[in-house]
Amino acid sequence: MEDVLVLKDYKTVPDIVHEYSPTLKFGHIPLVIDNGSYQCRVGWSINDEPNLIFKNLIARPRKDRCKKDAEPPATPPIQIGNDIVNIEAVRFQLKTQFDKNVVTHFEAQEQVFDYIFSHLGIDNDGSVPHPIAMTEAFVTPNYSRQCYGVPGVSYGVDSLFSMYKNDIGDTALIVNCGYHTIHIIPVIRGQVIVDHARRINLGGSEMIYYLHKLLQLKYPVHVNAITMSRVEEILQEHCSIALDYQEEIRKWANPDYYEANVKRVQLPYVQTASSSGLTGMDMIEDGDTDEFNEAIKGFDIKSYEDLQRQITNIHMRIEKNKQRIVAAATAEENLETRPTGRLNPPTEPEAFQTWLNETRSKRWQLFFNEFLLICSSISREADSDSEADGERLMELEEALREYEPPPANSSQHHQLHLAIEPLRAPELMFQPSMMGNLEAGLAETMEYVFKHFSPEDQLLLANNVFLTGGSSQFPGLKERLERELLEMRPFQSTHKVVVAKNPSLDAWYGARDFAGSNEFENWCISKEDYYEMGGEYLKEHYASNKYYKSPAPIVDNSLAPSIDANVVKEEIVVDC
């Protein structure tokens, strides 16, 4: 029997409140926050792993109108991260602080910070006495970067932190595959070439949405069972990138290849009670004759053949009763409807008794005639063709009961057959047009970036293509990029693709090493810098964005009312 994949339906576990030890409280230990658009990872710079990993989501469950205002709510008014145990129950109440991968909703971001500091056990009133190292998106617009009265904060790009964590050198072409975007960032001799970097507005969330629609259109009966969480699990665990997409699609046109390679995913279902009635038949099929004989003793059944005979007889009796019921209903429809009215009995006693006896006789005669009509419609000797057809039908039904295989298990009706869908969803990285996106794919964008550099720098970048980000973990992505580089690069030129050791966590690891360095305090924006330079100020370092001071607002005086300098002032005296 083919292997059937069972969905795990992961349930999140609420985060605990960690201990805020004296070493952390008085040791001036930096706090590291990888503020990703999919997951947020938080921990201290002295730890090996993050203390908190949760989805960057906020849910506001609707208020139960049946409850009074004085009653405490069954769920918290705001749920953040892992506090959202059943995400599908509040799917339409979810919100995030991000627009794509840039923080724009600062109220939501402040609520996430409250969640972080409270679960880390920080109990200082009104302030967080720890410097913070935080990741942000590449080329983030200027906005206020200071909050909570922290002594200092430093921002860095997640993909650059990941690059330096993997120690691949100071020249590389970074391909950061995120949850909403893909960035291609050229770094030459430690300098980020911002002008030639490019962004593709497509990521893991678009792949989930695309796969979700594909499966719902393919299985409209199971629309409610195909949830976003289950599709996300399918994408992360069962999808891959084809080396040659068109060739792989052609393979699936072969029925033998389909049967050998299709992935069957079992959806949850409730088994009907009627399916438990074939237990004895299952014993015979499994070879458990002793158990079968013990099971039929209590039902006055002698053997397996006797059981089959009784099952056939019962089915035939059921079919005959069904035919009688249908025939009776047809006969009743064909009966002539007689007008009803009140009878006027005679007033004399003798005449009344005679009339009563005649009425009773007519009633019984009508009952008998109706019975004869029904019987004649069920088995009519004159209609030999109908009788022959009925006998032939019974023979065919008996033959089907004997030789037809048993009906398939109801679980098979709740299975998803994944054929080309696991290839189509990740293929969006190379062909965004499949979902209506007019942007170029990953290979075309990389080739466009290469053209902005000299042949020498192109060779340096091609020999160190660095893959990072959560969406870079698809099997086959490295091999596909190597093939694309072979096609776009000059003949006999070399190229190399390097995958991050841990694409999802290397950004946090890199920021942790950065926060634990001796120069971290020099790269932090202090409160004095904030008051002197403004909220948009950013201190640059090897993994930060470039700081571009926001231009002064342009004042357009063309809309101001004009005043004529030659206006003569006159006084008018009015005699009253």
Protein backbone atom coordinates (compact mmCIF):
# COMPACT_ATOMS: atom_id res chain seq x y z
CA MET A 1 0.00 0.00 0.00
CA GLU A 2 1.24 3.49 -0.87
CA ASP A 3 2.53 5.74 1.88
CA VAL A 4 0.06 8.38 3.02
CA LEU A 5 1.41 11.59 4.52
CA VAL A 6 -0.42 12.72 7.64
CA LEU A 7 -0.60 16.41 8.47
CA LYS A 8 0.77 17.22 11.89
CA ASP A 9 -1.42 20.30 12.51
CA TYR A 10 1.16 21.92 14.77
CA LYS A 11 -0.23 23.69 17.82
CA THR A 12 1.79 26.48 19.34
CA VAL A 13 2.71 26.40 23.01
CA PRO A 14 2.48 29.72 24.89
CA ASP A 15 5.85 31.14 25.88
CA ILE A 16 6.92 31.07 29.50
CA VAL A 17 8.15 34.10 31.41
CA HIS A 18 11.90 33.67 31.64
CA GLU A 19 13.90 34.40 34.75
CA TYR A 20 15.40 37.86 34.93
CA SER A 21 18.50 36.94 36.89
CA PRO A 22 20.74 39.47 38.70
CA THR A 23 23.45 38.76 36.12
CA LEU A 24 21.14 39.98 33.39
CA LYS A 25 19.62 42.78 35.43
CA PHE A 26 22.84 44.42 36.59
CA GLY A 27 25.28 43.14 33.98
CA HIS A 28 24.32 45.55 31.19
CA ILE A 29 23.82 42.56 28.85
CA PRO A 30 22.73 43.52 25.30
CA LEU A 31 19.42 42.22 23.99
CA VAL A 32 19.29 40.82 20.44
CA ILE A 33 16.05 41.03 18.42
CA ASP A 34 15.72 39.58 14.93
CA ASN A 35 12.53 41.36 13.93
CA GLY A 36 11.54 39.31 10.88
CA SER A 37 8.26 39.68 9.04
CA TYR A 38 7.53 35.95 9.53
CA GLN A 39 9.12 35.16 12.89
CA CYS A 40 10.63 37.22 15.68
CA ARG A 41 13.63 35.77 17.49
CA VAL A 42 14.74 37.30 20.78
CA GLY A 43 17.52 36.46 23.19
CA TRP A 44 20.44 37.74 25.22
CA SER A 45 23.86 38.18 23.65
CA ILE A 46 25.38 35.72 26.16
CA ASN A 47 23.01 32.90 25.13
CA ASP A 48 23.68 30.29 22.48
CA GLU A 49 20.07 30.19 21.27
CA PRO A 50 17.16 32.65 21.26
CA ASN A 51 14.89 32.66 24.31
CA LEU A 52 11.79 33.46 22.27
CA ILE A 53 10.81 32.42 18.74
CA PHE A 54 7.28 33.35 17.68
CA LYS A 55 5.31 34.46 14.66
CA ASN A 56 5.16 38.22 14.34
CA LEU A 57 1.37 38.38 14.50
CA ILE A 58 -1.21 40.07 16.69
CA ALA A 59 -4.80 38.89 17.15
CA ARG A 60 -7.72 40.76 18.66
CA PRO A 61 -10.49 38.18 19.24
CA ARG A 62 -14.00 39.52 18.90
CA LYS A 63 -15.88 40.24 22.06
CA ASP A 64 -18.58 37.76 23.00
CA ARG A 65 -21.80 39.75 22.87
CA CYS A 66 -23.62 37.21 25.03
CA LYS A 67 -21.44 38.02 28.01
CA LYS A 68 -21.90 41.05 30.16
CA ASP A 69 -19.22 43.71 30.47
CA ALA A 70 -18.59 42.79 34.10
CA GLU A 71 -17.69 39.19 33.24
CA PRO A 72 -14.00 38.50 32.55
CA PRO A 73 -13.29 37.54 28.91
CA ALA A 74 -12.55 33.90 28.15
CA THR A 75 -9.52 34.89 26.04
CA PRO A 76 -7.09 37.80 26.45
CA PRO A 77 -8.12 40.95 24.58
CA ILE A 78 -4.82 40.86 22.65
CA GLN A 79 -2.94 37.71 21.67
CA ILE A 80 0.61 37.93 20.35
CA GLY A 81 2.94 35.32 18.92
CA ASN A 82 2.72 31.92 20.57
CA ASP A 83 -0.23 33.03 22.69
CA ILE A 84 -2.33 32.46 19.55
CA VAL A 85 -2.83 28.72 20.08
CA ASN A 86 -5.37 28.19 17.26
CA ILE A 87 -4.44 30.61 14.53
CA GLU A 88 -7.22 29.49 12.17
CA ALA A 89 -9.88 30.48 14.71
CA VAL A 90 -8.71 34.11 14.58
CA ARG A 91 -7.43 34.17 11.00
CA PHE A 92 -9.54 37.19 10.07
CA GLN A 93 -8.56 39.12 13.20
CA LEU A 94 -4.81 38.87 12.59
CA LYS A 95 -2.67 41.88 11.93
CA THR A 96 1.02 42.63 11.75
CA GLN A 97 3.25 45.65 12.15
CA PHE A 98 4.75 45.14 8.69
CA ASP A 99 3.90 46.39 5.25
CA LYS A 100 5.75 43.78 3.21
CA ASN A 101 8.98 43.68 5.25
CA VAL A 102 9.07 47.26 6.55
CA VAL A 103 7.61 48.28 9.91
CA THR A 104 4.87 50.84 9.36
CA HIS A 105 2.34 50.16 12.14
CA PHE A 106 4.18 51.39 15.20
CA GLU A 107 1.37 50.77 17.66
CA ALA A 108 1.45 47.07 16.77
CA GLN A 109 5.25 47.06 16.99
CA GLU A 110 5.05 48.57 20.47
CA GLN A 111 2.68 45.79 21.54
CA VAL A 112 5.16 43.20 20.26
CA PHE A 113 7.92 44.90 22.25
CA ASP A 114 5.73 44.76 25.36
CA TYR A 115 5.27 41.04 24.77
CA ILE A 116 9.04 40.55 24.39
CA PHE A 117 10.08 42.46 27.48
CA SER A 118 7.38 40.95 29.68
CA HIS A 119 8.26 37.37 28.68
CA LEU A 120 11.94 38.03 29.26
CA GLY A 121 11.02 39.00 32.81
CA ILE A 122 12.24 42.60 32.56
CA ASP A 123 10.49 44.30 35.46
CA ASN A 124 12.05 47.76 35.40
CA ASP A 125 9.37 50.40 35.56
CA GLY A 126 9.24 52.62 32.48
CA SER A 127 12.58 51.65 30.93
CA VAL A 128 14.65 48.76 29.59
CA PRO A 129 18.21 49.12 30.95
CA HIS A 130 19.81 47.08 28.16
CA PRO A 131 21.31 48.12 24.82
CA ILE A 132 19.53 46.49 21.90
CA ALA A 133 20.81 45.07 18.63
CA MET A 134 17.95 44.77 16.16
CA THR A 135 17.65 43.61 12.59
CA GLU A 136 15.73 45.46 9.91
CA ALA A 137 15.02 45.15 6.21
CA PHE A 138 17.45 46.22 3.54
CA VAL A 139 17.11 49.92 2.60
CA THR A 140 14.55 50.68 5.29
CA PRO A 141 13.10 54.20 5.08
CA ASN A 142 13.95 56.65 7.81
CA TYR A 143 11.65 56.67 10.81
CA SER A 144 11.89 57.03 14.58
CA ARG A 145 14.15 54.29 15.91
CA GLN A 146 14.13 54.95 19.62
CA CYS A 147 11.69 53.80 22.31
CA TYR A 148 11.36 52.51 25.89
CA GLY A 149 14.22 54.57 27.27
CA VAL A 150 16.93 52.06 26.30
CA PRO A 151 20.53 53.21 26.79
CA GLY A 152 21.39 52.51 23.16
CA VAL A 153 20.21 50.74 20.03
CA SER A 154 21.95 49.58 16.88
CA TYR A 155 20.29 48.44 13.68
CA GLY A 156 21.64 46.05 11.09
CA VAL A 157 20.44 44.25 7.96
CA ASP A 158 19.51 40.62 8.62
CA SER A 159 21.12 39.25 5.46
CA LEU A 160 24.40 41.07 6.16
CA PHE A 161 24.50 39.66 9.68
CA SER A 162 23.96 36.20 8.19
CA MET A 163 26.74 36.74 5.65
CA TYR A 164 29.34 37.70 8.24
CA LYS A 165 28.21 34.90 10.55
CA ASN A 166 28.99 32.33 7.84
CA ASP A 167 32.42 33.92 7.24
CA ILE A 168 32.32 33.67 3.44
CA GLY A 169 34.53 36.70 2.78
CA ASP A 170 33.90 40.36 2.07
CA THR A 171 32.72 39.96 -1.54
CA ALA A 172 29.50 38.13 -2.31
CA LEU A 173 26.19 38.35 -4.10
CA ILE A 174 23.61 37.90 -1.34
CA VAL A 175 20.29 36.33 -2.29
CA ASN A 176 18.02 36.89 0.71
CA CYS A 177 14.77 34.93 0.28
CA GLY A 178 12.35 36.30 2.85
CA TYR A 179 8.69 35.95 3.72
CA HIS A 180 7.49 38.84 1.54
CA THR A 181 10.46 39.82 -0.62
CA ILE A 182 13.65 38.56 -2.25
CA HIS A 183 16.69 40.85 -2.15
CA ILE A 184 19.74 40.55 -4.41
CA ILE A 185 22.50 42.54 -2.68
CA PRO A 186 26.00 42.87 -4.18
CA VAL A 187 28.79 43.31 -1.64
CA ILE A 188 32.27 44.06 -3.01
CA ARG A 189 35.26 44.30 -0.67
CA GLY A 190 33.04 44.92 2.31
CA GLN A 191 31.03 47.69 0.64
CA VAL A 192 27.34 47.22 -0.06
CA ILE A 193 26.56 48.54 -3.54
CA VAL A 194 23.12 49.89 -2.77
CA ASP A 195 22.55 51.44 -6.20
CA HIS A 196 22.74 48.06 -7.96
CA ALA A 197 20.78 46.01 -5.42
CA ARG A 198 17.34 44.81 -6.46
CA ARG A 199 14.18 43.59 -4.75
CA ILE A 200 11.53 41.13 -5.97
CA ASN A 201 8.15 41.60 -4.28
CA LEU A 202 7.55 37.92 -3.75
CA GLY A 203 8.34 35.54 -0.90
CA GLY A 204 7.09 32.69 1.21
CA SER A 205 3.70 34.27 1.93
CA GLU A 206 2.90 34.54 -1.78
CA MET A 207 3.88 30.90 -2.29
CA ILE A 208 1.56 29.84 0.54
CA TYR A 209 -1.29 31.88 -0.92
CA TYR A 210 -0.68 30.47 -4.42
CA LEU A 211 -0.54 26.85 -3.22
CA HIS A 212 -3.64 27.43 -1.10
CA LYS A 213 -5.64 28.55 -4.13
CA LEU A 214 -4.32 25.69 -6.27
CA LEU A 215 -5.44 23.05 -3.79
CA GLN A 216 -8.81 24.67 -3.13
CA LEU A 217 -9.56 24.83 -6.86
CA LYS A 218 -8.46 21.22 -7.29
CA TYR A 219 -10.49 19.96 -4.31
CA PRO A 220 -13.55 22.22 -3.94
CA VAL A 221 -15.21 19.64 -1.67
CA HIS A 222 -12.47 20.10 0.94
CA VAL A 223 -12.26 23.89 0.83
CA ASN A 224 -12.81 24.24 4.58
CA ALA A 225 -10.28 21.52 5.43
CA ILE A 226 -7.54 23.09 3.28
CA THR A 227 -6.51 25.84 5.68
CA MET A 228 -3.60 28.25 5.40
CA SER A 229 -1.78 26.57 8.28
CA ARG A 230 -1.97 23.17 6.59
CA VAL A 231 -0.86 24.62 3.27
CA GLU A 232 2.07 26.26 5.04
CA GLU A 233 3.05 22.88 6.48
CA ILE A 234 2.81 21.29 3.01
CA LEU A 235 4.97 24.04 1.51
CA GLN A 236 7.66 23.77 4.17
CA GLU A 237 7.88 19.97 4.29
CA HIS A 238 6.84 18.60 0.90
CA CYS A 239 7.71 21.22 -1.74
CA SER A 240 10.90 21.50 -3.75
CA ILE A 241 12.34 23.36 -6.73
CA ALA A 242 12.75 21.53 -10.02
CA LEU A 243 16.07 21.57 -11.82
CA ASP A 244 14.22 21.78 -15.15
CA TYR A 245 10.64 22.83 -14.53
CA GLN A 246 9.25 22.12 -18.01
CA GLU A 247 10.84 18.68 -18.13
CA GLU A 248 9.44 17.78 -14.72
CA ILE A 249 5.96 18.88 -15.77
CA ARG A 250 6.12 16.67 -18.87
CA LYS A 251 7.01 13.65 -16.72
CA TRP A 252 3.78 13.96 -14.78
CA ALA A 253 1.77 13.44 -17.96
CA ASN A 254 2.73 9.75 -17.79
CA PRO A 255 0.16 7.81 -15.68
CA ASP A 256 2.80 5.33 -14.48
CA TYR A 257 5.07 8.15 -13.32
CA TYR A 258 2.09 9.78 -11.60
CA GLU A 259 1.20 6.64 -9.64
CA ALA A 260 4.81 6.08 -8.63
CA ASN A 261 5.57 9.64 -7.47
CA VAL A 262 2.31 11.25 -6.35
CA LYS A 263 2.21 12.34 -2.71
CA ARG A 264 -0.99 11.50 -0.88
CA VAL A 265 -1.79 13.78 2.05
CA GLN A 266 -4.46 12.66 4.49
CA LEU A 267 -6.89 15.31 5.68
CA PRO A 268 -8.67 14.90 9.03
CA TYR A 269 -12.07 13.23 8.73
CA VAL A 270 -14.71 11.57 10.90
CA GLN A 271 -15.22 7.90 10.07
CA THR A 272 -18.84 6.87 9.68
CA ALA A 273 -20.28 4.24 12.00
CA SER A 274 -21.40 2.01 9.11
CA SER A 275 -17.83 1.24 8.13
CA SER A 276 -17.38 -0.85 11.28
CA GLY A 277 -19.85 -3.53 10.06
CA LEU A 278 -17.33 -5.38 7.85
CA THR A 279 -15.08 -6.47 10.70
CA GLY A 280 -15.77 -10.16 10.07
CA MET A 281 -15.04 -9.78 6.36
CA ASP A 282 -11.78 -8.01 7.22
CA MET A 283 -10.80 -10.98 9.41
CA ILE A 284 -11.21 -13.35 6.46
CA GLU A 285 -9.19 -11.06 4.18
CA ASP A 286 -6.42 -10.87 6.78
CA GLY A 287 -6.40 -14.67 7.20
CA ASP A 288 -7.72 -14.66 10.79
CA THR A 289 -10.10 -17.63 10.32
CA ASP A 290 -10.06 -18.62 13.98
CA GLU A 291 -11.15 -15.18 15.12
CA PHE A 292 -13.80 -15.17 12.40
CA ASN A 293 -15.27 -18.49 13.55
CA GLU A 294 -15.40 -17.24 17.13
CA ALA A 295 -17.12 -14.05 16.00
CA ILE A 296 -19.93 -15.78 14.03
CA LYS A 297 -20.86 -18.30 16.72
CA GLY A 298 -23.15 -15.85 18.48
CA PHE A 299 -25.11 -15.10 15.26
CA ASP A 300 -26.12 -18.69 14.32
CA ILE A 301 -23.92 -18.62 11.22
CA LYS A 302 -22.15 -21.84 10.30
CA SER A 303 -19.51 -20.78 7.79
CA TYR A 304 -18.20 -18.00 5.58
CA GLU A 305 -20.37 -19.22 2.67
CA ASP A 306 -23.41 -19.10 4.93
CA LEU A 307 -22.55 -15.52 5.87
CA GLN A 308 -22.23 -14.53 2.21
CA ARG A 309 -25.56 -16.20 1.42
CA GLN A 310 -27.36 -14.38 4.21
CA ILE A 311 -25.82 -11.04 3.19
CA THR A 312 -27.00 -11.58 -0.39
CA ASN A 313 -30.50 -12.54 0.72
CA ILE A 314 -30.77 -9.49 2.95
CA HIS A 315 -29.67 -7.21 0.11
CA MET A 316 -32.22 -8.78 -2.22
CA ARG A 317 -35.01 -8.37 0.32
CA ILE A 318 -34.06 -4.75 0.82
CA GLU A 319 -34.14 -4.13 -2.93
CA LYS A 320 -37.54 -5.82 -3.28
CA ASN A 321 -38.97 -3.70 -0.48
CA LYS A 322 -37.57 -0.58 -2.14
CA GLN A 323 -39.28 -1.55 -5.41
CA ARG A 324 -42.59 -2.19 -3.62
CA ILE A 325 -42.39 1.20 -1.93
CA VAL A 326 -41.69 2.95 -5.24
CA ALA A 327 -44.49 1.03 -6.99
CA ALA A 328 -46.95 1.81 -4.21
CA ALA A 329 -46.10 5.48 -4.39
CA THR A 330 -46.61 5.41 -8.16
CA ALA A 331 -49.96 3.63 -7.79
CA GLU A 332 -51.18 6.13 -5.26
CA GLU A 333 -50.34 8.95 -7.65
CA ASN A 334 -52.33 7.21 -10.42
CA LEU A 335 -55.42 6.69 -8.31
CA GLU A 336 -58.35 8.82 -9.32
CA THR A 337 -59.10 11.50 -6.84
CA ARG A 338 -62.75 11.29 -5.84
CA PRO A 339 -64.61 14.33 -4.63
CA THR A 340 -65.42 14.23 -0.97
CA GLY A 341 -68.63 15.41 0.51
CA ARG A 342 -70.92 14.90 3.51
CA LEU A 343 -73.32 11.97 3.10
CA ASN A 344 -76.97 12.44 4.12
CA PRO A 345 -78.19 9.31 5.95
CA PRO A 346 -81.90 8.57 6.07
CA THR A 347 -83.82 9.48 9.19
CA GLU A 348 -85.86 6.25 9.56
CA PRO A 349 -84.18 3.65 11.81
CA GLU A 350 -84.59 0.71 9.41
CA ALA A 351 -83.44 2.67 6.38
CA PHE A 352 -80.52 4.06 8.36
CA GLN A 353 -79.29 0.55 9.31
CA THR A 354 -79.50 -0.57 5.70
CA TRP A 355 -77.59 2.50 4.53
CA LEU A 356 -74.90 1.93 7.18
CA ASN A 357 -74.33 -1.69 6.10
CA GLU A 358 -74.08 -0.68 2.45
CA THR A 359 -71.54 2.04 3.27
CA ARG A 360 -69.34 -0.41 5.19
CA SER A 361 -69.45 -2.86 2.29
CA LYS A 362 -68.45 -0.17 -0.20
CA ARG A 363 -65.56 0.88 2.02
CA TRP A 364 -64.13 -2.65 2.24
CA GLN A 365 -64.61 -3.07 -1.50
CA LEU A 366 -62.57 0.09 -2.11
CA PHE A 367 -59.81 -1.16 0.18
CA PHE A 368 -59.74 -4.50 -1.64
CA ASN A 369 -59.66 -2.86 -5.08
CA GLU A 370 -56.76 -0.63 -4.01
CA PHE A 371 -54.86 -3.65 -2.70
CA LEU A 372 -55.39 -5.52 -5.98
CA LEU A 373 -54.18 -2.49 -7.93
CA ILE A 374 -50.99 -2.30 -5.91
CA CYS A 375 -50.35 -6.04 -6.23
CA SER A 376 -50.96 -5.99 -9.97
CA SER A 377 -48.53 -3.09 -10.40
CA ILE A 378 -45.82 -4.95 -8.44
CA SER A 379 -46.05 -8.30 -10.25
CA ARG A 380 -48.09 -8.13 -13.43
CA GLU A 381 -48.09 -11.38 -15.38
CA ALA A 382 -49.18 -9.70 -18.56
CA ASP A 383 -46.13 -7.42 -18.64
CA SER A 384 -43.53 -10.10 -19.40
CA ASP A 385 -40.91 -7.61 -20.60
CA SER A 386 -40.98 -5.69 -17.33
CA GLU A 387 -40.81 -8.92 -15.35
CA ALA A 388 -37.87 -10.17 -17.41
CA ASP A 389 -36.06 -6.86 -16.93
CA GLY A 390 -36.63 -7.08 -13.18
CA GLU A 391 -35.25 -10.61 -13.00
CA ARG A 392 -32.25 -9.63 -15.11
CA LEU A 393 -31.64 -6.66 -12.84
CA MET A 394 -31.68 -8.87 -9.76
CA GLU A 395 -29.20 -11.27 -11.40
CA LEU A 396 -26.83 -8.42 -12.22
CA GLU A 397 -27.06 -7.00 -8.72
CA GLU A 398 -26.36 -10.42 -7.23
CA ALA A 399 -23.34 -10.84 -9.50
CA LEU A 400 -22.02 -7.39 -8.54
CA ARG A 401 -22.40 -8.20 -4.85
CA GLU A 402 -20.40 -11.38 -5.33
CA TYR A 403 -17.61 -10.15 -7.58
CA GLU A 404 -17.39 -6.38 -7.13
CA PRO A 405 -14.53 -5.31 -4.83
CA PRO A 406 -15.51 -3.67 -1.56
CA PRO A 407 -15.86 0.11 -1.61
CA ALA A 408 -12.75 2.12 -0.91
CA ASN A 409 -12.00 3.29 2.58
CA SER A 410 -13.62 6.62 3.35
CA SER A 411 -10.20 8.00 4.23
CA GLN A 412 -9.29 7.93 0.55
CA HIS A 413 -12.05 10.43 -0.14
CA HIS A 414 -10.28 12.87 2.22
CA GLN A 415 -6.84 12.73 0.62
CA LEU A 416 -4.97 15.35 -1.39
CA HIS A 417 -2.94 14.06 -4.32
CA LEU A 418 0.07 16.34 -4.69
CA ALA A 419 1.54 15.96 -8.17
CA ILE A 420 2.86 19.14 -9.78
CA GLU A 421 1.62 21.44 -7.00
CA PRO A 422 4.78 20.97 -4.84
CA LEU A 423 6.80 22.15 -7.84
CA ARG A 424 4.55 25.00 -8.97
CA ALA A 425 4.49 26.97 -5.71
CA PRO A 426 8.30 27.40 -5.26
CA GLU A 427 8.68 27.96 -9.01
CA LEU A 428 7.21 31.42 -8.40
CA MET A 429 10.70 32.51 -7.36
CA PHE A 430 11.83 32.05 -10.97
CA GLN A 431 8.50 32.70 -12.74
CA PRO A 432 6.43 35.30 -10.84
CA SER A 433 4.20 35.63 -13.90
CA MET A 434 2.51 32.35 -12.91
CA MET A 435 0.55 34.30 -10.28
CA GLY A 436 0.17 37.49 -12.32
CA ASN A 437 3.26 39.29 -11.03
CA LEU A 438 4.90 41.30 -13.82
CA GLU A 439 8.33 41.44 -12.17
CA ALA A 440 11.34 39.49 -13.38
CA GLY A 441 12.25 36.21 -11.74
CA LEU A 442 15.26 35.45 -9.59
CA ALA A 443 17.54 34.34 -12.45
CA GLU A 444 16.72 37.33 -14.66
CA THR A 445 17.21 39.76 -11.77
CA MET A 446 20.60 38.26 -10.90
CA GLU A 447 21.68 38.56 -14.54
CA TYR A 448 20.54 42.20 -14.54
CA VAL A 449 22.62 42.91 -11.42
CA PHE A 450 25.70 41.28 -12.97
CA LYS A 451 25.55 43.61 -15.97
CA HIS A 452 26.21 46.66 -13.77
CA PHE A 453 29.72 45.49 -12.86
CA SER A 454 32.98 44.97 -14.66
CA PRO A 455 33.88 41.42 -15.83
CA GLU A 456 36.34 41.12 -12.96
CA ASP A 457 33.77 42.05 -10.31
CA GLN A 458 31.18 39.84 -12.00
CA LEU A 459 33.51 36.88 -11.61
CA LEU A 460 34.04 37.69 -7.92
CA LEU A 461 30.29 37.90 -7.30
CA ALA A 462 29.48 34.76 -9.31
CA ASN A 463 32.04 32.76 -7.34
CA ASN A 464 30.34 33.61 -4.04
CA VAL A 465 26.54 33.61 -4.40
CA PHE A 466 25.23 33.42 -0.84
CA LEU A 467 21.75 32.03 -0.14
CA THR A 468 20.05 32.99 3.12
CA GLY A 469 16.56 33.54 4.50
CA GLY A 470 13.79 31.13 5.44
CA SER A 471 12.53 30.66 1.87
CA SER A 472 15.99 29.54 0.70
CA GLN A 473 15.56 26.14 2.40
CA PHE A 474 13.68 24.51 -0.48
CA PRO A 475 15.41 21.35 -1.71
CA GLY A 476 16.84 21.91 -5.16
CA LEU A 477 17.27 25.70 -4.95
CA LYS A 478 21.06 25.55 -4.87
CA GLU A 479 21.21 23.17 -7.85
CA ARG A 480 18.71 25.32 -9.79
CA LEU A 481 20.76 28.48 -9.20
CA GLU A 482 23.94 26.70 -10.29
CA ARG A 483 22.23 25.72 -13.53
CA GLU A 484 20.94 29.26 -14.08
CA LEU A 485 24.42 30.67 -13.47
CA LEU A 486 25.86 28.18 -15.95
CA GLU A 487 23.44 29.45 -18.59
CA MET A 488 23.91 33.18 -17.97
CA ARG A 489 27.66 33.34 -17.35
CA PRO A 490 30.31 33.33 -20.12
CA PHE A 491 31.65 30.06 -21.49
CA GLN A 492 34.03 28.21 -19.11
CA SER A 493 33.63 30.84 -16.38
CA THR A 494 33.39 29.62 -12.80
CA HIS A 495 30.63 30.10 -10.28
CA LYS A 496 29.74 28.89 -6.79
CA VAL A 497 26.59 28.92 -4.66
CA VAL A 498 26.90 28.84 -0.86
CA VAL A 499 23.91 28.16 1.40
CA ALA A 500 23.83 29.54 4.95
CA LYS A 501 24.36 26.96 7.68
CA ASN A 502 21.07 27.92 9.28
CA PRO A 503 19.15 30.21 6.91
CA SER A 504 16.44 31.04 9.45
CA LEU A 505 18.61 31.71 12.53
CA ASP A 506 21.93 32.91 11.12
CA ALA A 507 20.71 36.52 11.16
CA TRP A 508 20.12 36.27 14.92
CA TYR A 509 23.45 34.50 15.44
CA GLY A 510 25.25 37.22 13.50
CA ALA A 511 23.50 39.98 15.46
CA ARG A 512 24.37 38.16 18.70
CA ASP A 513 28.07 38.11 17.79
CA PHE A 514 27.83 41.77 16.80
CA ALA A 515 26.22 42.70 20.15
CA GLY A 516 28.87 40.74 22.05
CA SER A 517 31.80 42.51 20.40
CA ASN A 518 33.85 45.18 22.15
CA GLU A 519 32.88 47.86 19.63
CA PHE A 520 29.15 47.41 20.02
CA GLU A 521 28.67 50.42 22.28
CA ASN A 522 30.44 52.64 19.75
CA TRP A 523 27.91 51.58 17.09
CA CYS A 524 24.87 52.22 19.27
CA ILE A 525 22.68 55.28 18.97
CA SER A 526 22.66 56.85 22.42
CA LYS A 527 20.09 59.14 23.95
CA GLU A 528 22.41 62.09 23.34
CA ASP A 529 22.67 61.17 19.65
CA TYR A 530 18.91 60.93 19.52
CA TYR A 531 18.39 64.43 20.90
CA GLU A 532 21.18 65.94 18.82
CA MET A 533 20.69 64.21 15.45
CA GLY A 534 16.97 63.43 15.54
CA GLY A 535 14.93 60.27 15.51
CA GLU A 536 15.96 59.32 11.96
CA TYR A 537 19.67 59.21 12.72
CA LEU A 538 21.47 55.91 12.12
CA LYS A 539 25.04 54.97 13.00
CA GLU A 540 26.61 52.99 10.19
CA HIS A 541 28.66 49.82 10.66
CA TYR A 542 29.67 46.83 8.54
CA ALA A 543 26.17 45.28 8.60
CA SER A 544 23.96 48.36 8.67
CA ASN A 545 21.97 50.23 6.09
CA LYS A 546 23.39 53.40 4.64
CA TYR A 547 22.28 56.56 6.37
CA TYR A 548 20.69 59.10 4.07
CA LYS A 549 19.49 62.20 5.80
CA SER A 550 15.93 63.00 4.90
CA PRO A 551 15.77 66.10 2.71
CA ALA A 552 14.22 69.26 4.09
CA PRO A 553 10.61 69.79 3.09
CA ILE A 554 10.16 71.83 -0.07
CA VAL A 555 8.07 74.93 0.47
CA ASP A 556 6.06 75.87 -2.60
CA ASN A 557 5.45 79.64 -2.49
CA SER A 558 3.55 79.62 -5.75
CA LEU A 559 0.32 78.92 -3.92
CA ALA A 560 0.79 81.79 -1.44
CA PRO A 561 -1.34 84.91 -2.04
CA SER A 562 0.58 87.55 -4.00
CA ILE A 563 0.93 91.09 -2.61
CA ASP A 564 1.43 93.96 -4.99
CA ALA A 565 4.21 96.25 -3.75
CA ASN A 566 2.78 99.26 -5.60
CA VAL A 567 -0.51 99.28 -3.77
CA VAL A 568 -1.30 102.80 -2.58
CA LYS A 569 -2.81 103.13 0.86
CA GLU A 570 -5.69 105.58 1.03
CA GLU A 571 -7.94 106.76 3.79
CA ILE A 572 -11.60 107.27 3.15
CA VAL A 573 -13.53 109.63 5.39
CA VAL A 574 -17.26 109.20 5.48
CA ASP A 575 -19.41 112.03 6.81
CA CYS A 576 -22.21 110.80 9.00
